[in-house]
Amino acid sequence: MPHVEVLRFDKVLHALVYAVLGGLCCLAARRTWSFGRRGLVLVGAFCALLYGMTDEFHQLFVPGRSADVYDVVADGVGGLIGAAIAVALPLAR
């Protein structure tokens, strides 16, 4: 990782990665279901949040790792932001 001070915060990295996931899930939902914009954002954010929850649960069983509820919160917020951006982009239409 590049040495940028803001990127050293673990929660920011979680939010950035899960923003991409939320955006991609939102775009996939748009091609699969006929939800409105709000529904697409909710689907994208929920998918990212659910994946974040299962990832943290998985880390309970990995030696040297631990689960953190704040990571899940960062994942959910990132997924919501990414999904909202994906809906707003003109390329996504």
PDB file of N, CA and C in Angstrom:
ATOM      1  N   MET A   1       0.835  -1.180   0.000  1.00  0.00           N
ATOM      2  CA  MET A   1       0.000   0.000   0.000  1.00  0.00           C
ATOM      3  C   MET A   1       0.883   1.247   0.000  1.00  0.00           C
ATOM      4  N   PRO A   2       0.455   2.277  -0.720  1.00  0.00           N
ATOM      5  CA  PRO A   2       1.209   3.525  -0.672  1.00  0.00           C
ATOM      6  C   PRO A   2       1.135   4.143   0.721  1.00  0.00           C
ATOM      7  N   HIS A   3       2.154   4.910   1.055  1.00  0.00           N
ATOM      8  CA  HIS A   3       2.196   5.523   2.389  1.00  0.00           C
ATOM      9  C   HIS A   3       1.396   6.824   2.376  1.00  0.00           C
ATOM     10  N   VAL A   4       0.091   6.689   2.535  1.00  0.00           N
ATOM     11  CA  VAL A   4      -0.808   7.829   2.652  1.00  0.00           C
ATOM     12  C   VAL A   4      -1.444   7.714   4.025  1.00  0.00           C
ATOM     13  N   GLU A   5      -1.322   8.766   4.824  1.00  0.00           N
ATOM     14  CA  GLU A   5      -1.714   8.687   6.232  1.00  0.00           C
ATOM     15  C   GLU A   5      -3.163   8.265   6.443  1.00  0.00           C
ATOM     16  N   VAL A   6      -4.093   8.782   5.637  1.00  0.00           N
ATOM     17  CA  VAL A   6      -5.499   8.440   5.840  1.00  0.00           C
ATOM     18  C   VAL A   6      -5.763   6.964   5.531  1.00  0.00           C
ATOM     19  N   LEU A   7      -4.987   6.373   4.634  1.00  0.00           N
ATOM     20  CA  LEU A   7      -5.201   4.963   4.287  1.00  0.00           C
ATOM     21  C   LEU A   7      -4.643   4.007   5.337  1.00  0.00           C
ATOM     22  N   ARG A   8      -3.993   4.528   6.345  1.00  0.00           N
ATOM     23  CA  ARG A   8      -3.476   3.666   7.395  1.00  0.00           C
ATOM     24  C   ARG A   8      -4.564   3.251   8.359  1.00  0.00           C
ATOM     25  N   PHE A   9      -5.698   3.908   8.292  1.00  0.00           N
ATOM     26  CA  PHE A   9      -6.801   3.552   9.172  1.00  0.00           C
ATOM     27  C   PHE A   9      -7.533   2.353   8.578  1.00  0.00           C
ATOM     28  N   ASP A  10      -7.625   1.312   9.365  1.00  0.00           N
ATOM     29  CA  ASP A  10      -8.223   0.055   8.924  1.00  0.00           C
ATOM     30  C   ASP A  10      -9.670   0.232   8.469  1.00  0.00           C
ATOM     31  N   LYS A  11     -10.414   1.040   9.165  1.00  0.00           N
ATOM     32  CA  LYS A  11     -11.839   1.203   8.834  1.00  0.00           C
ATOM     33  C   LYS A  11     -12.026   1.921   7.497  1.00  0.00           C
ATOM     34  N   VAL A  12     -11.144   2.840   7.165  1.00  0.00           N
ATOM     35  CA  VAL A  12     -11.217   3.527   5.872  1.00  0.00           C
ATOM     36  C   VAL A  12     -10.975   2.528   4.747  1.00  0.00           C
ATOM     37  N   LEU A  13     -10.017   1.651   4.943  1.00  0.00           N
ATOM     38  CA  LEU A  13      -9.750   0.625   3.925  1.00  0.00           C
ATOM     39  C   LEU A  13     -10.942  -0.312   3.766  1.00  0.00           C
ATOM     40  N   HIS A  14     -11.537  -0.697   4.886  1.00  0.00           N
ATOM     41  CA  HIS A  14     -12.738  -1.533   4.812  1.00  0.00           C
ATOM     42  C   HIS A  14     -13.823  -0.827   4.007  1.00  0.00           C
ATOM     43  N   ALA A  15     -14.064   0.440   4.309  1.00  0.00           N
ATOM     44  CA  ALA A  15     -15.110   1.187   3.617  1.00  0.00           C
ATOM     45  C   ALA A  15     -14.815   1.310   2.128  1.00  0.00           C
ATOM     46  N   LEU A  16     -13.569   1.551   1.758  1.00  0.00           N
ATOM     47  CA  LEU A  16     -13.219   1.673   0.335  1.00  0.00           C
ATOM     48  C   LEU A  16     -13.440   0.363  -0.420  1.00  0.00           C
ATOM     49  N   VAL A  17     -12.986  -0.717   0.156  1.00  0.00           N
ATOM     50  CA  VAL A  17     -13.129  -2.019  -0.514  1.00  0.00           C
ATOM     51  C   VAL A  17     -14.602  -2.408  -0.627  1.00  0.00           C
ATOM     52  N   TYR A  18     -15.356  -2.195   0.427  1.00  0.00           N
ATOM     53  CA  TYR A  18     -16.760  -2.580   0.400  1.00  0.00           C
ATOM     54  C   TYR A  18     -17.619  -1.599  -0.388  1.00  0.00           C
ATOM     55  N   ALA A  19     -17.115  -0.390  -0.624  1.00  0.00           N
ATOM     56  CA  ALA A  19     -17.805   0.534  -1.532  1.00  0.00           C
ATOM     57  C   ALA A  19     -17.784  -0.026  -2.949  1.00  0.00           C
ATOM     58  N   VAL A  20     -16.664  -0.589  -3.334  1.00  0.00           N
ATOM     59  CA  VAL A  20     -16.580  -1.230  -4.653  1.00  0.00           C
ATOM     60  C   VAL A  20     -17.555  -2.399  -4.725  1.00  0.00           C
ATOM     61  N   LEU A  21     -17.570  -3.228  -3.691  1.00  0.00           N
ATOM     62  CA  LEU A  21     -18.486  -4.369  -3.662  1.00  0.00           C
ATOM     63  C   LEU A  21     -19.939  -3.906  -3.704  1.00  0.00           C
ATOM     64  N   GLY A  22     -20.293  -2.900  -2.922  1.00  0.00           N
ATOM     65  CA  GLY A  22     -21.662  -2.390  -2.913  1.00  0.00           C
ATOM     66  C   GLY A  22     -22.065  -1.838  -4.269  1.00  0.00           C
ATOM     67  N   GLY A  23     -21.158  -1.124  -4.918  1.00  0.00           N
ATOM     68  CA  GLY A  23     -21.443  -0.591  -6.243  1.00  0.00           C
ATOM     69  C   GLY A  23     -21.639  -1.683  -7.278  1.00  0.00           C
ATOM     70  N   LEU A  24     -20.796  -2.680  -7.246  1.00  0.00           N
ATOM     71  CA  LEU A  24     -20.927  -3.783  -8.203  1.00  0.00           C
ATOM     72  C   LEU A  24     -22.192  -4.601  -7.956  1.00  0.00           C
ATOM     73  N   CYS A  25     -22.533  -4.815  -6.696  1.00  0.00           N
ATOM     74  CA  CYS A  25     -23.776  -5.532  -6.384  1.00  0.00           C
ATOM     75  C   CYS A  25     -24.987  -4.733  -6.847  1.00  0.00           C
ATOM     76  N   CYS A  26     -24.921  -3.427  -6.708  1.00  0.00           N
ATOM     77  CA  CYS A  26     -26.006  -2.554  -7.161  1.00  0.00           C
ATOM     78  C   CYS A  26     -26.171  -2.650  -8.674  1.00  0.00           C
ATOM     79  N   LEU A  27     -25.066  -2.618  -9.399  1.00  0.00           N
ATOM     80  CA  LEU A  27     -25.131  -2.716 -10.863  1.00  0.00           C
ATOM     81  C   LEU A  27     -25.644  -4.086 -11.302  1.00  0.00           C
ATOM     82  N   ALA A  28     -25.242  -5.127 -10.591  1.00  0.00           N
ATOM     83  CA  ALA A  28     -25.732  -6.467 -10.912  1.00  0.00           C
ATOM     84  C   ALA A  28     -27.230  -6.571 -10.634  1.00  0.00           C
ATOM     85  N   ALA A  29     -27.685  -5.968  -9.536  1.00  0.00           N
ATOM     86  CA  ALA A  29     -29.112  -5.998  -9.205  1.00  0.00           C
ATOM     87  C   ALA A  29     -29.931  -5.248 -10.252  1.00  0.00           C
ATOM     88  N   ARG A  30     -29.368  -4.181 -10.788  1.00  0.00           N
ATOM     89  CA  ARG A  30     -30.073  -3.411 -11.817  1.00  0.00           C
ATOM     90  C   ARG A  30     -30.343  -4.273 -13.057  1.00  0.00           C
ATOM     91  N   ARG A  31     -29.406  -5.157 -13.380  1.00  0.00           N
ATOM     92  CA  ARG A  31     -29.577  -6.018 -14.555  1.00  0.00           C
ATOM     93  C   ARG A  31     -30.468  -7.230 -14.262  1.00  0.00           C
ATOM     94  N   THR A  32     -30.687  -7.515 -12.986  1.00  0.00           N
ATOM     95  CA  THR A  32     -31.437  -8.710 -12.609  1.00  0.00           C
ATOM     96  C   THR A  32     -32.884  -8.408 -12.239  1.00  0.00           C
ATOM     97  N   TRP A  33     -33.095  -7.344 -11.458  1.00  0.00           N
ATOM     98  CA  TRP A  33     -34.431  -7.007 -10.977  1.00  0.00           C
ATOM     99  C   TRP A  33     -34.822  -5.609 -11.428  1.00  0.00           C
ATOM    100  N   SER A  34     -36.093  -5.322 -11.353  1.00  0.00           N
ATOM    101  CA  SER A  34     -36.570  -3.998 -11.756  1.00  0.00           C
ATOM    102  C   SER A  34     -36.931  -3.158 -10.526  1.00  0.00           C
ATOM    103  N   PHE A  35     -35.951  -2.925  -9.669  1.00  0.00           N
ATOM    104  CA  PHE A  35     -36.141  -2.061  -8.508  1.00  0.00           C
ATOM    105  C   PHE A  35     -35.956  -0.609  -8.920  1.00  0.00           C
ATOM    106  N   GLY A  36     -36.504   0.284  -8.126  1.00  0.00           N
ATOM    107  CA  GLY A  36     -36.217   1.705  -8.295  1.00  0.00           C
ATOM    108  C   GLY A  36     -34.823   2.006  -7.758  1.00  0.00           C
ATOM    109  N   ARG A  37     -34.445   3.262  -7.825  1.00  0.00           N
ATOM    110  CA  ARG A  37     -33.102   3.646  -7.384  1.00  0.00           C
ATOM    111  C   ARG A  37     -32.868   3.328  -5.911  1.00  0.00           C
ATOM    112  N   ARG A  38     -33.842   3.624  -5.076  1.00  0.00           N
ATOM    113  CA  ARG A  38     -33.708   3.356  -3.642  1.00  0.00           C
ATOM    114  C   ARG A  38     -33.553   1.859  -3.387  1.00  0.00           C
ATOM    115  N   GLY A  39     -34.345   1.055  -4.068  1.00  0.00           N
ATOM    116  CA  GLY A  39     -34.249  -0.390  -3.899  1.00  0.00           C
ATOM    117  C   GLY A  39     -32.902  -0.938  -4.337  1.00  0.00           C
ATOM    118  N   LEU A  40     -32.367  -0.396  -5.430  1.00  0.00           N
ATOM    119  CA  LEU A  40     -31.054  -0.833  -5.895  1.00  0.00           C
ATOM    120  C   LEU A  40     -29.958  -0.499  -4.893  1.00  0.00           C
ATOM    121  N   VAL A  41     -30.038   0.694  -4.327  1.00  0.00           N
ATOM    122  CA  VAL A  41     -29.043   1.082  -3.318  1.00  0.00           C
ATOM    123  C   VAL A  41     -29.145   0.165  -2.103  1.00  0.00           C
ATOM    124  N   LEU A  42     -30.359  -0.122  -1.679  1.00  0.00           N
ATOM    125  CA  LEU A  42     -30.533  -1.002  -0.518  1.00  0.00           C
ATOM    126  C   LEU A  42     -30.033  -2.409  -0.783  1.00  0.00           C
ATOM    127  N   VAL A  43     -30.287  -2.913  -1.979  1.00  0.00           N
ATOM    128  CA  VAL A  43     -29.803  -4.260  -2.318  1.00  0.00           C
ATOM    129  C   VAL A  43     -28.274  -4.294  -2.327  1.00  0.00           C
ATOM    130  N   GLY A  44     -27.662  -3.300  -2.965  1.00  0.00           N
ATOM    131  CA  GLY A  44     -26.201  -3.248  -3.009  1.00  0.00           C
ATOM    132  C   GLY A  44     -25.584  -3.125  -1.629  1.00  0.00           C
ATOM    133  N   ALA A  45     -26.147  -2.247  -0.805  1.00  0.00           N
ATOM    134  CA  ALA A  45     -25.635  -2.057   0.551  1.00  0.00           C
ATOM    135  C   ALA A  45     -25.848  -3.304   1.404  1.00  0.00           C
ATOM    136  N   PHE A  46     -27.002  -3.937   1.265  1.00  0.00           N
ATOM    137  CA  PHE A  46     -27.286  -5.142   2.048  1.00  0.00           C
ATOM    138  C   PHE A  46     -26.346  -6.283   1.662  1.00  0.00           C
ATOM    139  N   CYS A  47     -26.097  -6.453   0.377  1.00  0.00           N
ATOM    140  CA  CYS A  47     -25.173  -7.512  -0.066  1.00  0.00           C
ATOM    141  C   CYS A  47     -23.776  -7.284   0.503  1.00  0.00           C
ATOM    142  N   ALA A  48     -23.298  -6.041   0.465  1.00  0.00           N
ATOM    143  CA  ALA A  48     -21.980  -5.733   1.009  1.00  0.00           C
ATOM    144  C   ALA A  48     -21.952  -5.964   2.516  1.00  0.00           C
ATOM    145  N   LEU A  49     -22.998  -5.533   3.201  1.00  0.00           N
ATOM    146  CA  LEU A  49     -23.070  -5.726   4.652  1.00  0.00           C
ATOM    147  C   LEU A  49     -23.098  -7.204   5.007  1.00  0.00           C
ATOM    148  N   LEU A  50     -23.905  -7.966   4.308  1.00  0.00           N
ATOM    149  CA  LEU A  50     -23.997  -9.403   4.575  1.00  0.00           C
ATOM    150  C   LEU A  50     -22.651 -10.097   4.347  1.00  0.00           C
ATOM    151  N   TYR A  51     -21.969  -9.723   3.276  1.00  0.00           N
ATOM    152  CA  TYR A  51     -20.656 -10.313   3.015  1.00  0.00           C
ATOM    153  C   TYR A  51     -19.662  -9.909   4.101  1.00  0.00           C
ATOM    154  N   GLY A  52     -19.722  -8.651   4.539  1.00  0.00           N
ATOM    155  CA  GLY A  52     -18.843  -8.206   5.619  1.00  0.00           C
ATOM    156  C   GLY A  52     -19.092  -8.973   6.908  1.00  0.00           C
ATOM    157  N   MET A  53     -20.346  -9.241   7.201  1.00  0.00           N
ATOM    158  CA  MET A  53     -20.680 -10.002   8.405  1.00  0.00           C
ATOM    159  C   MET A  53     -20.136 -11.428   8.320  1.00  0.00           C
ATOM    160  N   THR A  54     -20.299 -12.056   7.178  1.00  0.00           N
ATOM    161  CA  THR A  54     -19.793 -13.426   7.045  1.00  0.00           C
ATOM    162  C   THR A  54     -18.265 -13.460   7.059  1.00  0.00           C
ATOM    163  N   ASP A  55     -17.634 -12.423   6.533  1.00  0.00           N
ATOM    164  CA  ASP A  55     -16.174 -12.353   6.562  1.00  0.00           C
ATOM    165  C   ASP A  55     -15.662 -12.215   7.997  1.00  0.00           C
ATOM    166  N   GLU A  56     -16.307 -11.375   8.786  1.00  0.00           N
ATOM    167  CA  GLU A  56     -15.903 -11.222  10.187  1.00  0.00           C
ATOM    168  C   GLU A  56     -16.162 -12.514  10.965  1.00  0.00           C
ATOM    169  N   PHE A  57     -17.264 -13.197  10.689  1.00  0.00           N
ATOM    170  CA  PHE A  57     -17.536 -14.477  11.334  1.00  0.00           C
ATOM    171  C   PHE A  57     -16.454 -15.495  10.983  1.00  0.00           C
ATOM    172  N   HIS A  58     -16.062 -15.509   9.731  1.00  0.00           N
ATOM    173  CA  HIS A  58     -15.017 -16.422   9.271  1.00  0.00           C
ATOM    174  C   HIS A  58     -13.705 -16.166  10.011  1.00  0.00           C
ATOM    175  N   GLN A  59     -13.412 -14.902  10.301  1.00  0.00           N
ATOM    176  CA  GLN A  59     -12.158 -14.569  10.966  1.00  0.00           C
ATOM    177  C   GLN A  59     -12.091 -15.086  12.400  1.00  0.00           C
ATOM    178  N   LEU A  60     -13.226 -15.429  12.978  1.00  0.00           N
ATOM    179  CA  LEU A  60     -13.218 -16.030  14.317  1.00  0.00           C
ATOM    180  C   LEU A  60     -12.476 -17.354  14.334  1.00  0.00           C
ATOM    181  N   PHE A  61     -12.416 -18.020  13.195  1.00  0.00           N
ATOM    182  CA  PHE A  61     -11.828 -19.353  13.108  1.00  0.00           C
ATOM    183  C   PHE A  61     -10.439 -19.355  12.488  1.00  0.00           C
ATOM    184  N   VAL A  62      -9.902 -18.180  12.191  1.00  0.00           N
ATOM    185  CA  VAL A  62      -8.576 -18.071  11.583  1.00  0.00           C
ATOM    186  C   VAL A  62      -7.576 -17.673  12.668  1.00  0.00           C
ATOM    187  N   PRO A  63      -6.542 -18.488  12.873  1.00  0.00           N
ATOM    188  CA  PRO A  63      -5.549 -18.150  13.898  1.00  0.00           C
ATOM    189  C   PRO A  63      -4.889 -16.792  13.607  1.00  0.00           C
ATOM    190  N   GLY A  64      -4.768 -15.984  14.641  1.00  0.00           N
ATOM    191  CA  GLY A  64      -4.143 -14.680  14.495  1.00  0.00           C
ATOM    192  C   GLY A  64      -5.083 -13.583  14.030  1.00  0.00           C
ATOM    193  N   ARG A  65      -6.333 -13.893  13.770  1.00  0.00           N
ATOM    194  CA  ARG A  65      -7.318 -12.894  13.336  1.00  0.00           C
ATOM    195  C   ARG A  65      -8.419 -12.799  14.374  1.00  0.00           C
ATOM    196  N   SER A  66      -9.155 -11.719  14.337  1.00  0.00           N
ATOM    197  CA  SER A  66     -10.284 -11.558  15.253  1.00  0.00           C
ATOM    198  C   SER A  66     -11.399 -10.823  14.530  1.00  0.00           C
ATOM    199  N   ALA A  67     -12.597 -10.982  15.031  1.00  0.00           N
ATOM    200  CA  ALA A  67     -13.756 -10.295  14.452  1.00  0.00           C
ATOM    201  C   ALA A  67     -13.940  -8.964  15.157  1.00  0.00           C
ATOM    202  N   ASP A  68     -14.401  -7.968  14.405  1.00  0.00           N
ATOM    203  CA  ASP A  68     -14.608  -6.637  14.968  1.00  0.00           C
ATOM    204  C   ASP A  68     -15.912  -6.081  14.423  1.00  0.00           C
ATOM    205  N   VAL A  69     -16.821  -5.728  15.315  1.00  0.00           N
ATOM    206  CA  VAL A  69     -18.115  -5.204  14.897  1.00  0.00           C
ATOM    207  C   VAL A  69     -17.951  -3.868  14.167  1.00  0.00           C
ATOM    208  N   TYR A  70     -16.921  -3.102  14.495  1.00  0.00           N
ATOM    209  CA  TYR A  70     -16.691  -1.834  13.813  1.00  0.00           C
ATOM    210  C   TYR A  70     -16.238  -2.034  12.367  1.00  0.00           C
ATOM    211  N   ASP A  71     -15.589  -3.162  12.097  1.00  0.00           N
ATOM    212  CA  ASP A  71     -15.273  -3.497  10.708  1.00  0.00           C
ATOM    213  C   ASP A  71     -16.562  -3.723   9.920  1.00  0.00           C
ATOM    214  N   VAL A  72     -17.526  -4.388  10.534  1.00  0.00           N
ATOM    215  CA  VAL A  72     -18.816  -4.621   9.876  1.00  0.00           C
ATOM    216  C   VAL A  72     -19.527  -3.296   9.612  1.00  0.00           C
ATOM    217  N   VAL A  73     -19.455  -2.389  10.563  1.00  0.00           N
ATOM    218  CA  VAL A  73     -20.073  -1.065  10.375  1.00  0.00           C
ATOM    219  C   VAL A  73     -19.400  -0.343   9.208  1.00  0.00           C
ATOM    220  N   ALA A  74     -18.077  -0.368   9.163  1.00  0.00           N
ATOM    221  CA  ALA A  74     -17.350   0.269   8.064  1.00  0.00           C
ATOM    222  C   ALA A  74     -17.690  -0.395   6.736  1.00  0.00           C
ATOM    223  N   ASP A  75     -17.841  -1.707   6.738  1.00  0.00           N
ATOM    224  CA  ASP A  75     -18.223  -2.427   5.521  1.00  0.00           C
ATOM    225  C   ASP A  75     -19.601  -1.977   5.042  1.00  0.00           C
ATOM    226  N   GLY A  76     -20.536  -1.874   5.959  1.00  0.00           N
ATOM    227  CA  GLY A  76     -21.896  -1.469   5.604  1.00  0.00           C
ATOM    228  C   GLY A  76     -21.966  -0.037   5.092  1.00  0.00           C
ATOM    229  N   VAL A  77     -21.255   0.867   5.755  1.00  0.00           N
ATOM    230  CA  VAL A  77     -21.236   2.268   5.314  1.00  0.00           C
ATOM    231  C   VAL A  77     -20.578   2.373   3.943  1.00  0.00           C
ATOM    232  N   GLY A  78     -19.482   1.666   3.753  1.00  0.00           N
ATOM    233  CA  GLY A  78     -18.819   1.667   2.452  1.00  0.00           C
ATOM    234  C   GLY A  78     -19.706   1.099   1.365  1.00  0.00           C
ATOM    235  N   GLY A  79     -20.406   0.010   1.661  1.00  0.00           N
ATOM    236  CA  GLY A  79     -21.319  -0.581   0.692  1.00  0.00           C
ATOM    237  C   GLY A  79     -22.442   0.355   0.319  1.00  0.00           C
ATOM    238  N   LEU A  80     -22.959   1.071   1.299  1.00  0.00           N
ATOM    239  CA  LEU A  80     -24.023   2.047   1.043  1.00  0.00           C
ATOM    240  C   LEU A  80     -23.527   3.195   0.168  1.00  0.00           C
ATOM    241  N   ILE A  81     -22.362   3.705   0.459  1.00  0.00           N
ATOM    242  CA  ILE A  81     -21.796   4.796  -0.343  1.00  0.00           C
ATOM    243  C   ILE A  81     -21.518   4.331  -1.769  1.00  0.00           C
ATOM    244  N   GLY A  82     -20.924   3.148  -1.905  1.00  0.00           N
ATOM    245  CA  GLY A  82     -20.627   2.626  -3.233  1.00  0.00           C
ATOM    246  C   GLY A  82     -21.870   2.382  -4.057  1.00  0.00           C
ATOM    247  N   ALA A  83     -22.918   1.859  -3.434  1.00  0.00           N
ATOM    248  CA  ALA A  83     -24.171   1.612  -4.145  1.00  0.00           C
ATOM    249  C   ALA A  83     -24.825   2.920  -4.558  1.00  0.00           C
ATOM    250  N   ALA A  84     -24.772   3.911  -3.683  1.00  0.00           N
ATOM    251  CA  ALA A  84     -25.356   5.218  -4.012  1.00  0.00           C
ATOM    252  C   ALA A  84     -24.613   5.869  -5.171  1.00  0.00           C
ATOM    253  N   ILE A  85     -23.311   5.749  -5.179  1.00  0.00           N
ATOM    254  CA  ILE A  85     -22.527   6.303  -6.288  1.00  0.00           C
ATOM    255  C   ILE A  85     -22.830   5.562  -7.577  1.00  0.00           C
ATOM    256  N   ALA A  86     -22.957   4.237  -7.505  1.00  0.00           N
ATOM    257  CA  ALA A  86     -23.240   3.455  -8.705  1.00  0.00           C
ATOM    258  C   ALA A  86     -24.583   3.828  -9.329  1.00  0.00           C
ATOM    259  N   VAL A  87     -25.567   4.109  -8.493  1.00  0.00           N
ATOM    260  CA  VAL A  87     -26.879   4.505  -9.004  1.00  0.00           C
ATOM    261  C   VAL A  87     -26.815   5.895  -9.640  1.00  0.00           C
ATOM    262  N   ALA A  88     -25.972   6.755  -9.094  1.00  0.00           N
ATOM    263  CA  ALA A  88     -25.886   8.130  -9.571  1.00  0.00           C
ATOM    264  C   ALA A  88     -25.070   8.267 -10.863  1.00  0.00           C
ATOM    265  N   LEU A  89     -24.213   7.297 -11.149  1.00  0.00           N
ATOM    266  CA  LEU A  89     -23.364   7.408 -12.344  1.00  0.00           C
ATOM    267  C   LEU A  89     -24.178   7.263 -13.619  1.00  0.00           C
ATOM    268  N   PRO A  90     -23.962   8.137 -14.577  1.00  0.00           N
ATOM    269  CA  PRO A  90     -24.702   8.024 -15.848  1.00  0.00           C
ATOM    270  C   PRO A  90     -24.289   6.783 -16.644  1.00  0.00           C
ATOM    271  N   LEU A  91     -23.088   6.280 -16.428  1.00  0.00           N
ATOM    272  CA  LEU A  91     -22.633   5.088 -17.157  1.00  0.00           C
ATOM    273  C   LEU A  91     -23.400   3.842 -16.734  1.00  0.00           C
ATOM    274  N   ALA A  92     -23.964   3.867 -15.542  1.00  0.00           N
ATOM    275  CA  ALA A  92     -24.658   2.700 -15.015  1.00  0.00           C
ATOM    276  C   ALA A  92     -26.034   2.513 -15.630  1.00  0.00           C
ATOM    277  N   ARG A  93     -26.512   3.496 -16.372  1.00  0.00           N
ATOM    278  CA  ARG A  93     -27.867   3.413 -16.915  1.00  0.00           C
ATOM    279  C   ARG A  93     -27.933   2.659 -18.185  1.00  0.00           C
TER     280      ARG A  93
END
